[in-house]
Amino acid sequence: MIKTRKAELKDSKVIFEWRNDELTRKMSHTKNIVEWEEHRAWFTSSLKNKNRLLLLCENNLKKIAVIRFDINSTRALVSINLSPEMRGRGVSKQCLSESIKKFKNDFPQVVALDAVINPENTASQKVFKSLGFVNVRDHASKLYFECLIF
């Protein structure tokens, strides 16, 4: 059973490792390798940021994915980074779904979610579409999706 919880400082190292995975970087908007000090500063700042929520998905204490929500008034940008060892196991949809439920509970003022996905990231597109996200525009080699979450 997949559970979600707020990310904690102790999760920083594993999320750093996921972020620098080769396929993760290929599918990411920023393709460069992130240095540890840069990641640590970003992660610490993210945990303190009231307009950002980092959720960790786990199954029997095994870390599966991190989901980030960046809040801007009544909308939030959502992204998912799956553990490389969990790819192809069909857990992304449930992680994202459970995270959205938790997010809606904690941030009821947000009525719409946005996602920006690279065109070559067909797996991510499929997961977001399966949860009701609709491609609303394509621009500058990125696909823009949105979903209303009343």
N, C-alpha and C. Protein backbone atom coordinates (compact mmCIF):
# COMPACT_ATOMS: atom_id res chain seq x y z
N MET A 1 0.84 -1.19 0.00
CA MET A 1 0.00 0.00 0.00
C MET A 1 0.88 1.25 0.00
N ILE A 2 0.59 2.15 -0.90
CA ILE A 2 1.38 3.37 -1.02
C ILE A 2 0.83 4.43 -0.08
N LYS A 3 1.75 5.05 0.66
CA LYS A 3 1.40 6.14 1.57
C LYS A 3 2.20 7.37 1.18
N THR A 4 1.63 8.54 1.46
CA THR A 4 2.35 9.79 1.23
C THR A 4 2.58 10.49 2.55
N ARG A 5 3.69 11.20 2.61
CA ARG A 5 4.03 12.00 3.78
C ARG A 5 4.85 13.19 3.32
N LYS A 6 4.91 14.21 4.16
CA LYS A 6 5.75 15.35 3.85
C LYS A 6 7.21 14.90 3.87
N ALA A 7 7.96 15.40 2.91
CA ALA A 7 9.39 15.10 2.87
C ALA A 7 10.07 15.74 4.08
N GLU A 8 11.12 15.11 4.53
CA GLU A 8 11.89 15.59 5.68
C GLU A 8 13.35 15.70 5.28
N LEU A 9 14.13 16.41 6.09
CA LEU A 9 15.54 16.61 5.81
C LEU A 9 16.26 15.28 5.55
N LYS A 10 15.88 14.23 6.26
CA LYS A 10 16.53 12.92 6.10
C LYS A 10 16.32 12.33 4.71
N ASP A 11 15.37 12.85 3.93
CA ASP A 11 15.09 12.35 2.59
C ASP A 11 15.97 13.01 1.52
N SER A 12 16.70 14.01 1.92
CA SER A 12 17.46 14.82 0.97
C SER A 12 18.42 14.00 0.12
N LYS A 13 19.16 13.09 0.72
CA LYS A 13 20.19 12.33 0.00
C LYS A 13 19.59 11.46 -1.10
N VAL A 14 18.52 10.73 -0.80
CA VAL A 14 17.94 9.85 -1.82
C VAL A 14 17.31 10.67 -2.95
N ILE A 15 16.71 11.78 -2.64
CA ILE A 15 16.12 12.64 -3.68
C ILE A 15 17.22 13.25 -4.54
N PHE A 16 18.35 13.58 -3.92
CA PHE A 16 19.52 14.06 -4.65
C PHE A 16 20.00 12.99 -5.64
N GLU A 17 20.06 11.75 -5.20
CA GLU A 17 20.50 10.65 -6.07
C GLU A 17 19.52 10.45 -7.23
N TRP A 18 18.21 10.50 -6.93
CA TRP A 18 17.21 10.36 -8.00
C TRP A 18 17.35 11.48 -9.02
N ARG A 19 17.55 12.69 -8.52
CA ARG A 19 17.63 13.88 -9.38
C ARG A 19 18.78 13.77 -10.37
N ASN A 20 19.88 13.18 -9.96
CA ASN A 20 21.06 13.09 -10.82
C ASN A 20 21.11 11.82 -11.67
N ASP A 21 20.09 10.99 -11.57
CA ASP A 21 20.00 9.81 -12.41
C ASP A 21 19.98 10.24 -13.88
N GLU A 22 20.65 9.49 -14.74
CA GLU A 22 20.79 9.87 -16.14
C GLU A 22 19.44 10.04 -16.86
N LEU A 23 18.54 9.08 -16.71
CA LEU A 23 17.23 9.19 -17.38
C LEU A 23 16.40 10.32 -16.78
N THR A 24 16.48 10.50 -15.48
CA THR A 24 15.76 11.62 -14.83
C THR A 24 16.22 12.94 -15.43
N ARG A 25 17.52 13.11 -15.58
CA ARG A 25 18.04 14.36 -16.15
C ARG A 25 17.61 14.51 -17.60
N LYS A 26 17.58 13.41 -18.34
CA LYS A 26 17.17 13.48 -19.74
C LYS A 26 15.73 13.96 -19.86
N MET A 27 14.85 13.54 -18.95
CA MET A 27 13.44 13.90 -19.00
C MET A 27 13.13 15.22 -18.29
N SER A 28 14.10 15.74 -17.56
CA SER A 28 13.92 16.96 -16.78
C SER A 28 14.09 18.20 -17.67
N HIS A 29 13.60 19.32 -17.18
CA HIS A 29 13.79 20.59 -17.89
C HIS A 29 15.22 21.08 -17.73
N THR A 30 15.84 20.78 -16.60
CA THR A 30 17.25 21.11 -16.38
C THR A 30 18.04 19.80 -16.41
N LYS A 31 18.90 19.71 -17.38
CA LYS A 31 19.57 18.44 -17.66
C LYS A 31 20.93 18.29 -16.96
N ASN A 32 21.38 19.35 -16.35
CA ASN A 32 22.71 19.33 -15.73
C ASN A 32 22.73 18.50 -14.44
N ILE A 33 23.90 18.02 -14.09
CA ILE A 33 24.10 17.34 -12.81
C ILE A 33 24.09 18.41 -11.72
N VAL A 34 23.36 18.14 -10.66
CA VAL A 34 23.27 19.07 -9.54
C VAL A 34 24.31 18.64 -8.50
N GLU A 35 25.06 19.60 -8.01
CA GLU A 35 26.06 19.32 -6.97
C GLU A 35 25.35 19.21 -5.62
N TRP A 36 25.96 18.45 -4.71
CA TRP A 36 25.36 18.18 -3.41
C TRP A 36 25.03 19.46 -2.64
N GLU A 37 25.95 20.41 -2.57
CA GLU A 37 25.71 21.64 -1.81
C GLU A 37 24.55 22.44 -2.38
N GLU A 38 24.45 22.48 -3.70
CA GLU A 38 23.35 23.18 -4.35
C GLU A 38 22.02 22.49 -4.01
N HIS A 39 22.01 21.16 -4.10
CA HIS A 39 20.79 20.40 -3.79
C HIS A 39 20.41 20.59 -2.32
N ARG A 40 21.37 20.49 -1.45
CA ARG A 40 21.09 20.61 -0.01
C ARG A 40 20.47 21.97 0.31
N ALA A 41 21.01 23.03 -0.28
CA ALA A 41 20.46 24.37 -0.06
C ALA A 41 19.04 24.47 -0.61
N TRP A 42 18.81 23.93 -1.83
CA TRP A 42 17.48 23.95 -2.44
C TRP A 42 16.49 23.15 -1.58
N PHE A 43 16.91 21.98 -1.14
CA PHE A 43 16.02 21.11 -0.38
C PHE A 43 15.64 21.74 0.96
N THR A 44 16.61 22.28 1.66
CA THR A 44 16.36 22.93 2.94
C THR A 44 15.41 24.12 2.76
N SER A 45 15.67 24.91 1.73
CA SER A 45 14.80 26.05 1.43
C SER A 45 13.39 25.60 1.06
N SER A 46 13.29 24.51 0.30
CA SER A 46 11.99 23.99 -0.12
C SER A 46 11.15 23.54 1.07
N LEU A 47 11.79 22.92 2.05
CA LEU A 47 11.06 22.46 3.23
C LEU A 47 10.49 23.62 4.04
N LYS A 48 11.14 24.78 3.95
CA LYS A 48 10.69 25.97 4.70
C LYS A 48 9.72 26.84 3.91
N ASN A 49 9.63 26.61 2.61
CA ASN A 49 8.84 27.45 1.73
C ASN A 49 7.35 27.12 1.86
N LYS A 50 6.55 28.10 2.30
CA LYS A 50 5.11 27.86 2.51
C LYS A 50 4.35 27.70 1.18
N ASN A 51 4.99 28.07 0.07
CA ASN A 51 4.37 27.92 -1.25
C ASN A 51 4.88 26.72 -2.02
N ARG A 52 5.57 25.82 -1.31
CA ARG A 52 6.04 24.58 -1.94
C ARG A 52 5.76 23.44 -0.98
N LEU A 53 5.28 22.35 -1.53
CA LEU A 53 5.06 21.14 -0.75
C LEU A 53 5.78 19.99 -1.44
N LEU A 54 6.65 19.32 -0.69
CA LEU A 54 7.32 18.12 -1.18
C LEU A 54 6.73 16.93 -0.44
N LEU A 55 6.16 16.00 -1.19
CA LEU A 55 5.60 14.79 -0.60
C LEU A 55 6.41 13.59 -1.06
N LEU A 56 6.60 12.65 -0.15
CA LEU A 56 7.30 11.42 -0.47
C LEU A 56 6.31 10.28 -0.47
N CYS A 57 6.37 9.47 -1.51
CA CYS A 57 5.54 8.26 -1.58
C CYS A 57 6.39 7.08 -1.14
N GLU A 58 5.79 6.24 -0.28
CA GLU A 58 6.49 5.08 0.24
C GLU A 58 5.58 3.86 0.19
N ASN A 59 6.21 2.70 0.14
CA ASN A 59 5.51 1.43 0.24
C ASN A 59 6.34 0.57 1.19
N ASN A 60 5.79 0.30 2.37
CA ASN A 60 6.54 -0.45 3.39
C ASN A 60 7.89 0.20 3.68
N LEU A 61 7.88 1.50 3.83
CA LEU A 61 9.07 2.31 4.13
C LEU A 61 10.08 2.36 2.99
N LYS A 62 9.75 1.80 1.83
CA LYS A 62 10.61 1.92 0.65
C LYS A 62 10.20 3.18 -0.08
N LYS A 63 11.15 4.07 -0.29
CA LYS A 63 10.86 5.33 -0.95
C LYS A 63 10.65 5.10 -2.45
N ILE A 64 9.53 5.62 -2.95
CA ILE A 64 9.12 5.37 -4.34
C ILE A 64 9.28 6.62 -5.22
N ALA A 65 8.81 7.77 -4.72
CA ALA A 65 8.80 8.97 -5.55
C ALA A 65 8.70 10.21 -4.67
N VAL A 66 9.10 11.32 -5.25
CA VAL A 66 8.87 12.62 -4.61
C VAL A 66 7.97 13.41 -5.56
N ILE A 67 6.96 14.04 -4.98
CA ILE A 67 6.04 14.88 -5.75
C ILE A 67 6.16 16.29 -5.21
N ARG A 68 6.35 17.23 -6.12
CA ARG A 68 6.52 18.64 -5.72
C ARG A 68 5.32 19.44 -6.20
N PHE A 69 4.80 20.27 -5.32
CA PHE A 69 3.73 21.21 -5.65
C PHE A 69 4.27 22.61 -5.39
N ASP A 70 4.29 23.46 -6.40
CA ASP A 70 4.65 24.87 -6.25
C ASP A 70 3.36 25.68 -6.38
N ILE A 71 2.98 26.32 -5.30
CA ILE A 71 1.68 26.98 -5.20
C ILE A 71 1.79 28.45 -5.61
N ASN A 72 0.83 28.87 -6.46
CA ASN A 72 0.72 30.25 -6.87
C ASN A 72 -0.76 30.63 -6.80
N SER A 73 -1.16 31.13 -5.65
CA SER A 73 -2.54 31.53 -5.41
C SER A 73 -3.49 30.32 -5.48
N THR A 74 -4.33 30.26 -6.52
CA THR A 74 -5.31 29.17 -6.61
C THR A 74 -4.88 28.06 -7.57
N ARG A 75 -3.62 28.11 -8.00
CA ARG A 75 -3.07 27.09 -8.90
C ARG A 75 -1.78 26.56 -8.30
N ALA A 76 -1.41 25.36 -8.74
CA ALA A 76 -0.13 24.80 -8.31
C ALA A 76 0.48 24.01 -9.46
N LEU A 77 1.78 24.14 -9.59
CA LEU A 77 2.54 23.36 -10.57
C LEU A 77 2.98 22.08 -9.88
N VAL A 78 2.68 20.94 -10.49
CA VAL A 78 3.01 19.66 -9.88
C VAL A 78 4.00 18.91 -10.76
N SER A 79 4.94 18.22 -10.10
CA SER A 79 5.88 17.37 -10.83
C SER A 79 6.18 16.14 -9.98
N ILE A 80 6.62 15.09 -10.65
CA ILE A 80 6.93 13.84 -9.97
C ILE A 80 8.32 13.38 -10.40
N ASN A 81 9.06 12.84 -9.46
CA ASN A 81 10.36 12.23 -9.74
C ASN A 81 10.33 10.85 -9.10
N LEU A 82 10.31 9.85 -9.94
CA LEU A 82 10.21 8.46 -9.50
C LEU A 82 11.60 7.88 -9.24
N SER A 83 11.70 7.08 -8.20
CA SER A 83 12.93 6.34 -7.95
C SER A 83 13.28 5.53 -9.19
N PRO A 84 14.53 5.60 -9.66
CA PRO A 84 14.90 4.84 -10.85
C PRO A 84 14.59 3.34 -10.74
N GLU A 85 14.71 2.78 -9.57
CA GLU A 85 14.45 1.34 -9.43
C GLU A 85 12.96 0.99 -9.44
N MET A 86 12.10 2.00 -9.39
CA MET A 86 10.66 1.77 -9.40
C MET A 86 10.03 1.98 -10.79
N ARG A 87 10.83 2.37 -11.75
CA ARG A 87 10.31 2.58 -13.11
C ARG A 87 9.74 1.28 -13.68
N GLY A 88 8.64 1.43 -14.42
CA GLY A 88 8.05 0.30 -15.09
C GLY A 88 7.22 -0.61 -14.19
N ARG A 89 6.99 -0.22 -12.97
CA ARG A 89 6.24 -1.05 -12.02
C ARG A 89 4.81 -0.57 -11.82
N GLY A 90 4.41 0.46 -12.54
CA GLY A 90 3.03 0.92 -12.47
C GLY A 90 2.66 1.64 -11.18
N VAL A 91 3.62 2.27 -10.52
CA VAL A 91 3.32 2.93 -9.25
C VAL A 91 3.17 4.45 -9.37
N SER A 92 3.56 5.01 -10.49
CA SER A 92 3.51 6.46 -10.65
C SER A 92 2.10 7.02 -10.51
N LYS A 93 1.14 6.36 -11.15
CA LYS A 93 -0.24 6.86 -11.11
C LYS A 93 -0.76 6.88 -9.68
N GLN A 94 -0.55 5.82 -8.93
CA GLN A 94 -1.04 5.78 -7.56
C GLN A 94 -0.32 6.81 -6.68
N CYS A 95 0.98 6.96 -6.87
CA CYS A 95 1.73 7.97 -6.10
C CYS A 95 1.19 9.37 -6.37
N LEU A 96 1.02 9.68 -7.64
CA LEU A 96 0.54 11.01 -8.00
C LEU A 96 -0.88 11.22 -7.50
N SER A 97 -1.73 10.22 -7.64
CA SER A 97 -3.12 10.31 -7.19
C SER A 97 -3.21 10.54 -5.68
N GLU A 98 -2.48 9.74 -4.92
CA GLU A 98 -2.48 9.88 -3.45
C GLU A 98 -1.92 11.23 -3.03
N SER A 99 -0.90 11.69 -3.73
CA SER A 99 -0.30 12.99 -3.41
C SER A 99 -1.26 14.14 -3.68
N ILE A 100 -1.99 14.04 -4.78
CA ILE A 100 -2.97 15.08 -5.11
C ILE A 100 -4.08 15.12 -4.05
N LYS A 101 -4.53 13.95 -3.60
CA LYS A 101 -5.55 13.91 -2.54
C LYS A 101 -5.05 14.60 -1.27
N LYS A 102 -3.83 14.29 -0.87
CA LYS A 102 -3.25 14.91 0.33
C LYS A 102 -3.10 16.41 0.12
N PHE A 103 -2.62 16.79 -1.06
CA PHE A 103 -2.44 18.20 -1.36
C PHE A 103 -3.76 18.95 -1.29
N LYS A 104 -4.82 18.40 -1.90
CA LYS A 104 -6.15 19.05 -1.89
C LYS A 104 -6.64 19.25 -0.46
N ASN A 105 -6.38 18.28 0.38
CA ASN A 105 -6.79 18.36 1.78
C ASN A 105 -6.07 19.49 2.51
N ASP A 106 -4.78 19.64 2.25
CA ASP A 106 -3.96 20.63 2.94
C ASP A 106 -4.07 22.03 2.33
N PHE A 107 -4.43 22.12 1.05
CA PHE A 107 -4.48 23.41 0.35
C PHE A 107 -5.79 23.54 -0.42
N PRO A 108 -6.92 23.67 0.30
CA PRO A 108 -8.23 23.70 -0.37
C PRO A 108 -8.44 24.91 -1.28
N GLN A 109 -7.64 25.96 -1.12
CA GLN A 109 -7.80 27.15 -1.97
C GLN A 109 -7.30 26.90 -3.40
N VAL A 110 -6.50 25.86 -3.60
CA VAL A 110 -6.00 25.56 -4.94
C VAL A 110 -7.07 24.77 -5.70
N VAL A 111 -7.45 25.30 -6.85
CA VAL A 111 -8.53 24.69 -7.63
C VAL A 111 -8.04 24.10 -8.95
N ALA A 112 -6.78 24.33 -9.29
CA ALA A 112 -6.25 23.79 -10.54
C ALA A 112 -4.78 23.42 -10.38
N LEU A 113 -4.42 22.33 -11.04
CA LEU A 113 -3.02 21.89 -11.07
C LEU A 113 -2.50 21.99 -12.49
N ASP A 114 -1.24 22.37 -12.59
CA ASP A 114 -0.57 22.46 -13.88
C ASP A 114 0.63 21.51 -13.88
N ALA A 115 0.99 21.04 -15.05
CA ALA A 115 2.19 20.22 -15.21
C ALA A 115 2.84 20.61 -16.53
N VAL A 116 4.16 20.66 -16.53
CA VAL A 116 4.93 20.95 -17.74
C VAL A 116 5.79 19.72 -18.00
N ILE A 117 5.59 19.11 -19.17
CA ILE A 117 6.24 17.83 -19.46
C ILE A 117 6.96 17.91 -20.81
N ASN A 118 8.15 17.35 -20.85
CA ASN A 118 8.88 17.28 -22.11
C ASN A 118 8.17 16.32 -23.06
N PRO A 119 8.12 16.65 -24.35
CA PRO A 119 7.40 15.80 -25.32
C PRO A 119 7.89 14.35 -25.35
N GLU A 120 9.18 14.13 -25.11
CA GLU A 120 9.72 12.77 -25.16
C GLU A 120 9.39 11.95 -23.92
N ASN A 121 8.86 12.60 -22.89
CA ASN A 121 8.53 11.90 -21.65
C ASN A 121 7.10 11.35 -21.74
N THR A 122 6.93 10.35 -22.59
CA THR A 122 5.60 9.79 -22.83
C THR A 122 5.03 9.08 -21.61
N ALA A 123 5.89 8.49 -20.79
CA ALA A 123 5.40 7.82 -19.57
C ALA A 123 4.73 8.81 -18.64
N SER A 124 5.36 9.95 -18.45
CA SER A 124 4.79 10.98 -17.57
C SER A 124 3.49 11.53 -18.16
N GLN A 125 3.47 11.77 -19.46
CA GLN A 125 2.25 12.25 -20.11
C GLN A 125 1.10 11.29 -19.87
N LYS A 126 1.37 10.00 -20.03
CA LYS A 126 0.34 8.98 -19.86
C LYS A 126 -0.22 8.99 -18.44
N VAL A 127 0.65 9.10 -17.44
CA VAL A 127 0.22 9.12 -16.04
C VAL A 127 -0.65 10.35 -15.76
N PHE A 128 -0.19 11.51 -16.17
CA PHE A 128 -0.96 12.73 -15.91
C PHE A 128 -2.31 12.69 -16.63
N LYS A 129 -2.32 12.25 -17.88
CA LYS A 129 -3.59 12.14 -18.62
C LYS A 129 -4.55 11.17 -17.93
N SER A 130 -4.03 10.09 -17.40
CA SER A 130 -4.89 9.09 -16.75
C SER A 130 -5.56 9.64 -15.49
N LEU A 131 -5.02 10.74 -14.96
CA LEU A 131 -5.60 11.37 -13.77
C LEU A 131 -6.41 12.62 -14.11
N GLY A 132 -6.73 12.80 -15.38
CA GLY A 132 -7.61 13.90 -15.78
C GLY A 132 -6.91 15.15 -16.26
N PHE A 133 -5.60 15.14 -16.37
CA PHE A 133 -4.88 16.30 -16.90
C PHE A 133 -5.07 16.34 -18.41
N VAL A 134 -5.23 17.56 -18.92
CA VAL A 134 -5.47 17.77 -20.34
C VAL A 134 -4.35 18.66 -20.90
N ASN A 135 -3.84 18.28 -22.07
CA ASN A 135 -2.82 19.08 -22.74
C ASN A 135 -3.48 20.35 -23.28
N VAL A 136 -3.10 21.51 -22.73
CA VAL A 136 -3.75 22.76 -23.11
C VAL A 136 -2.94 23.57 -24.11
N ARG A 137 -1.62 23.30 -24.17
CA ARG A 137 -0.81 23.98 -25.18
C ARG A 137 0.58 23.37 -25.24
N ASP A 138 1.21 23.61 -26.39
CA ASP A 138 2.59 23.21 -26.61
C ASP A 138 3.37 24.49 -26.88
N HIS A 139 4.51 24.63 -26.22
CA HIS A 139 5.29 25.84 -26.42
C HIS A 139 6.75 25.58 -26.06
N ALA A 140 7.63 25.99 -26.93
CA ALA A 140 9.08 25.93 -26.68
C ALA A 140 9.52 24.53 -26.23
N SER A 141 9.11 23.52 -26.98
CA SER A 141 9.49 22.13 -26.70
C SER A 141 9.01 21.63 -25.35
N LYS A 142 7.89 22.15 -24.88
CA LYS A 142 7.28 21.68 -23.64
C LYS A 142 5.78 21.52 -23.85
N LEU A 143 5.21 20.55 -23.16
CA LEU A 143 3.76 20.34 -23.20
C LEU A 143 3.19 20.83 -21.88
N TYR A 144 2.13 21.62 -21.96
CA TYR A 144 1.50 22.20 -20.77
C TYR A 144 0.16 21.50 -20.53
N PHE A 145 0.01 20.95 -19.34
CA PHE A 145 -1.19 20.24 -18.95
C PHE A 145 -1.84 20.96 -17.78
N GLU A 146 -3.16 20.79 -17.65
CA GLU A 146 -3.85 21.30 -16.47
C GLU A 146 -4.98 20.37 -16.08
N CYS A 147 -5.37 20.48 -14.81
CA CYS A 147 -6.45 19.67 -14.27
C CYS A 147 -7.14 20.48 -13.19
N LEU A 148 -8.46 20.56 -13.26
CA LEU A 148 -9.25 21.22 -12.21
C LEU A 148 -9.46 20.23 -11.08
N ILE A 149 -9.31 20.67 -9.83
CA ILE A 149 -9.38 19.74 -8.68
C ILE A 149 -10.35 20.21 -7.61
N PHE A 150 -11.56 20.48 -7.94
CA PHE A 150 -12.55 20.97 -6.95
C PHE A 150 -12.71 20.03 -5.82
